[in-house]
C-alpha atoms as a PDB file:
ATOM      1  CA  MET A   1      -3.109  26.974  33.984  1.00  0.00           C
ATOM      2  CA  ALA A   2      -4.624  25.460  30.890  1.00  0.00           C
ATOM      3  CA  TYR A   3      -2.792  27.478  28.317  1.00  0.00           C
ATOM      4  CA  VAL A   4       0.506  29.384  27.942  1.00  0.00           C
ATOM      5  CA  THR A   5       0.515  32.902  26.491  1.00  0.00           C
ATOM      6  CA  HIS A   6       3.038  34.202  23.971  1.00  0.00           C
ATOM      7  CA  ASP A   7       4.335  36.597  26.602  1.00  0.00           C
ATOM      8  CA  TYR A   8       5.135  33.625  28.832  1.00  0.00           C
ATOM      9  CA  ASP A   9       6.899  31.796  26.088  1.00  0.00           C
ATOM     10  CA  VAL A  10       9.105  34.846  25.307  1.00  0.00           C
ATOM     11  CA  ALA A  11       9.955  35.376  28.946  1.00  0.00           C
ATOM     12  CA  VAL A  12      10.854  31.790  29.641  1.00  0.00           C
ATOM     13  CA  GLY A  13      12.714  31.289  26.357  1.00  0.00           C
ATOM     14  CA  THR A  14      10.493  28.511  25.064  1.00  0.00           C
ATOM     15  CA  GLN A  15       9.204  30.371  21.948  1.00  0.00           C
ATOM     16  CA  GLY A  16      11.250  28.326  19.478  1.00  0.00           C
ATOM     17  CA  LYS A  17      10.107  25.045  20.749  1.00  0.00           C
ATOM     18  CA  GLY A  18       6.640  25.319  19.161  1.00  0.00           C
ATOM     19  CA  ALA A  19       8.249  26.300  15.836  1.00  0.00           C
ATOM     20  CA  LEU A  20      10.656  23.372  16.020  1.00  0.00           C
ATOM     21  CA  ALA A  21       7.848  20.925  16.676  1.00  0.00           C
ATOM     22  CA  ARG A  22       5.918  22.449  13.697  1.00  0.00           C
ATOM     23  CA  PHE A  23       9.017  22.155  11.547  1.00  0.00           C
ATOM     24  CA  PHE A  24       9.502  18.440  12.310  1.00  0.00           C
ATOM     25  CA  GLY A  25       5.765  17.886  11.969  1.00  0.00           C
ATOM     26  CA  ARG A  26       5.822  19.314   8.460  1.00  0.00           C
ATOM     27  CA  ILE A  27       8.772  17.116   7.587  1.00  0.00           C
ATOM     28  CA  GLY A  28       7.028  14.075   8.954  1.00  0.00           C
ATOM     29  CA  ALA A  29       3.881  15.022   6.942  1.00  0.00           C
ATOM     30  CA  ALA A  30       5.910  15.485   3.718  1.00  0.00           C
ATOM     31  CA  LEU A  31       7.692  12.102   4.187  1.00  0.00           C
ATOM     32  CA  ALA A  32       4.294  10.383   4.798  1.00  0.00           C
ATOM     33  CA  ARG A  33       2.948  11.961   1.496  1.00  0.00           C
ATOM     34  CA  ALA A  34       6.152  10.873  -0.366  1.00  0.00           C
ATOM     35  CA  ARG A  35       5.672   7.344   1.047  1.00  0.00           C
ATOM     36  CA  GLN A  36       2.043   7.316   0.009  1.00  0.00           C
ATOM     37  CA  ARG A  37       2.924   8.520  -3.605  1.00  0.00           C
ATOM     38  CA  GLU A  38       5.575   5.748  -3.830  1.00  0.00           C
ATOM     39  CA  ALA A  39       3.137   3.112  -2.747  1.00  0.00           C
ATOM     40  CA  GLU A  40       0.513   4.426  -5.247  1.00  0.00           C
ATOM     41  CA  ARG A  41       3.050   4.322  -8.050  1.00  0.00           C
ATOM     42  CA  ALA A  42       4.157   0.828  -7.133  1.00  0.00           C
ATOM     43  CA  TYR A  43       0.437  -0.290  -7.347  1.00  0.00           C
ATOM     44  CA  LEU A  44       0.067   1.433 -10.659  1.00  0.00           C
ATOM     45  CA  SER A  45       3.124  -0.357 -12.045  1.00  0.00           C
ATOM     46  CA  GLN A  46       1.950  -3.722 -10.908  1.00  0.00           C
ATOM     47  CA  HIS A  47      -1.543  -3.258 -12.308  1.00  0.00           C
ATOM     48  CA  MET A  48      -0.804  -1.132 -15.323  1.00  0.00           C
ATOM     49  CA  ASP A  49      -2.521  -3.500 -17.979  1.00  0.00           C
ATOM     50  CA  SER A  50      -5.817  -3.624 -16.054  1.00  0.00           C
ATOM     51  CA  ILE A  51      -5.778   0.011 -15.200  1.00  0.00           C
ATOM     52  CA  THR A  52      -5.286   1.113 -18.901  1.00  0.00           C
ATOM     53  CA  ARG A  53      -7.863  -1.444 -20.043  1.00  0.00           C
ATOM     54  CA  ASP A  54     -10.465  -0.476 -17.493  1.00  0.00           C
ATOM     55  CA  THR A  55     -10.062   3.339 -17.455  1.00  0.00           C
ATOM     56  CA  GLY A  56      -8.866   4.115 -21.070  1.00  0.00           C
ATOM     57  CA  ILE A  57      -5.843   6.073 -19.677  1.00  0.00           C
ATOM     58  CA  ASP A  58      -2.995   6.106 -22.127  1.00  0.00           C
ATOM     59  CA  ARG A  59      -0.256   3.710 -21.201  1.00  0.00           C
ATOM     60  CA  THR A  60       2.422   6.244 -21.993  1.00  0.00           C
ATOM     61  CA  ALA A  61       0.959   8.742 -19.453  1.00  0.00           C
ATOM     62  CA  LEU A  62       0.589   6.049 -16.866  1.00  0.00           C
ATOM     63  CA  GLY A  63       4.254   5.005 -17.412  1.00  0.00           C
ATOM     64  CA  LYS A  64       5.356   8.574 -16.922  1.00  0.00           C
ATOM     65  CA  GLU A  65       3.555   8.724 -13.542  1.00  0.00           C
ATOM     66  CA  VAL A  66       4.942   5.474 -12.467  1.00  0.00           C
ATOM     67  CA  ASN A  67       8.591   6.451 -13.273  1.00  0.00           C
ATOM     68  CA  LYS A  68       8.488   9.747 -11.325  1.00  0.00           C
ATOM     69  CA  PRO A  69      10.747   9.961  -8.250  1.00  0.00           C
ATOM     70  CA  PHE A  70       8.852   9.576  -4.978  1.00  0.00           C
ATOM     71  CA  TRP A  71       9.396  13.300  -4.080  1.00  0.00           C
ATOM     72  CA  LYS A  72       7.612  14.629  -7.187  1.00  0.00           C
ATOM     73  CA  ARG A  73       3.941  15.169  -7.191  1.00  0.00           C
END
């Protein structure tokens, strides 16, 4: 059988396994986003002078972004 119906999941007791996989998938995705934000902020902090000069973004605003914890957007 190429697919499993919801009725089969309930009857066999495997309904929660899909939810658990989705839960851990969401956690993994959230951690990946946090790592990406952390890497972007590290890049910003290393290149702050050239970024402010090239883009005209205020150094204070850029400093606030760089100093945010990794879990904040």
